[in-house]
């Protein structure tokens, strides 16, 4: 998921450099949403692992 967010961010930067503003803002918005989803899923996973009592890998 993080790889997809980074890919969208890179695509947004390339589109902005080439002058495609609308496409760049779309990719940047998608990258923001994916990054937030990644952070939320990571926190849920970390909390579930901590509550189970498993040592981190």
N, C-alpha and C. Protein backbone atom coordinates (compact mmCIF):
# COMPACT_ATOMS: atom_id res chain seq x y z
N UNK A 1 0.83 -1.18 0.00
CA UNK A 1 0.00 0.00 0.00
C UNK A 1 0.88 1.25 0.00
N UNK A 2 1.94 1.21 0.78
CA UNK A 2 2.84 2.36 0.81
C UNK A 2 3.52 2.54 -0.53
N UNK A 3 3.85 1.44 -1.20
CA UNK A 3 4.46 1.53 -2.52
C UNK A 3 3.53 2.23 -3.51
N UNK A 4 2.25 1.93 -3.43
CA UNK A 4 1.27 2.56 -4.31
C UNK A 4 1.16 4.05 -4.03
N UNK A 5 1.20 4.44 -2.76
CA UNK A 5 1.14 5.86 -2.41
C UNK A 5 2.37 6.59 -2.92
N UNK A 6 3.53 5.98 -2.79
CA UNK A 6 4.76 6.62 -3.27
C UNK A 6 4.74 6.71 -4.80
N UNK A 7 4.22 5.69 -5.47
CA UNK A 7 4.12 5.73 -6.93
C UNK A 7 3.21 6.86 -7.38
N UNK A 8 2.08 7.02 -6.73
CA UNK A 8 1.16 8.10 -7.09
C UNK A 8 1.81 9.46 -6.85
N UNK A 9 2.58 9.59 -5.78
CA UNK A 9 3.27 10.84 -5.49
C UNK A 9 4.29 11.16 -6.58
N UNK A 10 5.03 10.16 -7.01
CA UNK A 10 6.02 10.37 -8.07
C UNK A 10 5.32 10.75 -9.38
N UNK A 11 4.21 10.08 -9.69
CA UNK A 11 3.45 10.42 -10.89
C UNK A 11 2.92 11.85 -10.82
N UNK A 12 2.51 12.28 -9.64
CA UNK A 12 2.03 13.66 -9.47
C UNK A 12 3.15 14.65 -9.70
N UNK A 13 4.34 14.34 -9.20
CA UNK A 13 5.47 15.25 -9.40
C UNK A 13 5.87 15.33 -10.87
N UNK A 14 5.88 14.21 -11.56
CA UNK A 14 6.22 14.20 -12.98
C UNK A 14 5.17 14.97 -13.79
N UNK A 15 3.90 14.75 -13.47
CA UNK A 15 2.84 15.46 -14.18
C UNK A 15 2.92 16.96 -13.93
N UNK A 16 3.27 17.35 -12.72
CA UNK A 16 3.40 18.78 -12.40
C UNK A 16 4.56 19.39 -13.16
N UNK A 17 5.66 18.66 -13.27
CA UNK A 17 6.81 19.17 -14.02
C UNK A 17 6.51 19.33 -15.50
N UNK A 18 5.65 18.48 -16.03
CA UNK A 18 5.29 18.55 -17.44
C UNK A 18 4.15 19.52 -17.72
N UNK A 19 3.57 20.08 -16.67
CA UNK A 19 2.54 21.09 -16.85
C UNK A 19 1.11 20.59 -16.83
N UNK A 20 0.90 19.36 -16.45
CA UNK A 20 -0.46 18.82 -16.37
C UNK A 20 -0.98 19.02 -14.94
N UNK A 21 -1.50 20.19 -14.66
CA UNK A 21 -1.91 20.55 -13.30
C UNK A 21 -3.06 19.74 -12.76
N UNK A 22 -4.08 19.51 -13.58
CA UNK A 22 -5.25 18.78 -13.10
C UNK A 22 -4.91 17.33 -12.80
N UNK A 23 -4.12 16.73 -13.64
CA UNK A 23 -3.72 15.34 -13.42
C UNK A 23 -2.82 15.24 -12.20
N UNK A 24 -1.93 16.23 -12.04
CA UNK A 24 -1.03 16.22 -10.90
C UNK A 24 -1.79 16.34 -9.59
N UNK A 25 -2.81 17.20 -9.56
CA UNK A 25 -3.58 17.34 -8.33
C UNK A 25 -4.39 16.08 -8.04
N UNK A 26 -4.85 15.40 -9.08
CA UNK A 26 -5.57 14.14 -8.88
C UNK A 26 -4.65 13.08 -8.27
N UNK A 27 -3.47 12.94 -8.85
CA UNK A 27 -2.52 11.96 -8.33
C UNK A 27 -2.09 12.31 -6.90
N UNK A 28 -1.91 13.59 -6.62
CA UNK A 28 -1.52 14.00 -5.27
C UNK A 28 -2.63 13.69 -4.27
N UNK A 29 -3.87 13.91 -4.66
CA UNK A 29 -5.00 13.58 -3.77
C UNK A 29 -5.09 12.09 -3.50
N UNK A 30 -4.89 11.29 -4.54
CA UNK A 30 -4.92 9.83 -4.37
C UNK A 30 -3.77 9.40 -3.46
N UNK A 31 -2.59 9.99 -3.64
CA UNK A 31 -1.44 9.63 -2.81
C UNK A 31 -1.71 9.97 -1.34
N UNK A 32 -2.34 11.10 -1.08
CA UNK A 32 -2.66 11.48 0.31
C UNK A 32 -3.63 10.48 0.93
N UNK A 33 -4.66 10.12 0.18
CA UNK A 33 -5.65 9.18 0.70
C UNK A 33 -5.01 7.82 0.99
N UNK A 34 -4.20 7.33 0.06
CA UNK A 34 -3.55 6.03 0.26
C UNK A 34 -2.58 6.06 1.44
N UNK A 35 -1.89 7.18 1.63
CA UNK A 35 -0.97 7.29 2.76
C UNK A 35 -1.72 7.25 4.08
N UNK A 36 -2.84 7.94 4.15
CA UNK A 36 -3.65 7.92 5.38
C UNK A 36 -4.18 6.52 5.65
N UNK A 37 -4.66 5.85 4.61
CA UNK A 37 -5.15 4.47 4.78
C UNK A 37 -4.02 3.57 5.26
N UNK A 38 -2.81 3.74 4.69
CA UNK A 38 -1.67 2.95 5.13
C UNK A 38 -1.37 3.18 6.60
N UNK A 39 -1.35 4.43 7.04
CA UNK A 39 -1.06 4.74 8.44
C UNK A 39 -2.11 4.13 9.36
N UNK A 40 -3.38 4.24 8.99
CA UNK A 40 -4.46 3.68 9.82
C UNK A 40 -4.33 2.16 9.93
N UNK A 41 -4.10 1.50 8.80
CA UNK A 41 -3.95 0.04 8.84
C UNK A 41 -2.71 -0.38 9.62
N UNK A 42 -1.64 0.39 9.51
CA UNK A 42 -0.43 0.09 10.28
C UNK A 42 -0.69 0.21 11.77
N UNK A 43 -1.39 1.25 12.19
CA UNK A 43 -1.68 1.43 13.62
C UNK A 43 -2.61 0.33 14.14
N UNK A 44 -3.60 -0.05 13.35
CA UNK A 44 -4.48 -1.13 13.76
C UNK A 44 -3.70 -2.43 13.90
N UNK A 45 -2.81 -2.70 12.97
CA UNK A 45 -2.00 -3.91 13.02
C UNK A 45 -1.06 -3.89 14.23
N UNK A 46 -0.46 -2.74 14.50
CA UNK A 46 0.44 -2.63 15.65
C UNK A 46 -0.31 -2.82 16.96
N UNK A 47 -1.48 -2.24 17.07
CA UNK A 47 -2.28 -2.40 18.29
C UNK A 47 -2.75 -3.84 18.46
N UNK A 48 -3.16 -4.48 17.38
CA UNK A 48 -3.61 -5.87 17.47
C UNK A 48 -2.46 -6.77 17.88
N UNK A 49 -1.27 -6.52 17.36
CA UNK A 49 -0.10 -7.32 17.75
C UNK A 49 0.28 -7.09 19.20
N UNK A 50 0.15 -5.85 19.68
CA UNK A 50 0.49 -5.55 21.06
C UNK A 50 -0.51 -6.18 22.03
N UNK A 51 -1.79 -6.18 21.64
CA UNK A 51 -2.81 -6.75 22.51
C UNK A 51 -2.75 -8.27 22.56
N UNK A 52 -2.25 -8.89 21.51
CA UNK A 52 -2.10 -10.34 21.51
C UNK A 52 -0.93 -10.80 22.37
N UNK A 53 0.02 -9.92 22.58
CA UNK A 53 1.18 -10.27 23.36
C UNK A 53 2.30 -10.89 22.57
N UNK A 54 2.21 -10.81 21.23
CA UNK A 54 3.27 -11.35 20.40
C UNK A 54 4.43 -10.37 20.36
N UNK A 55 5.64 -10.90 20.36
CA UNK A 55 6.78 -9.98 20.19
C UNK A 55 6.85 -9.48 18.75
N UNK A 56 7.29 -8.24 18.56
CA UNK A 56 7.40 -7.76 17.19
C UNK A 56 8.45 -8.50 16.40
N UNK A 57 8.21 -8.63 15.11
CA UNK A 57 9.12 -9.40 14.26
C UNK A 57 10.21 -8.51 13.74
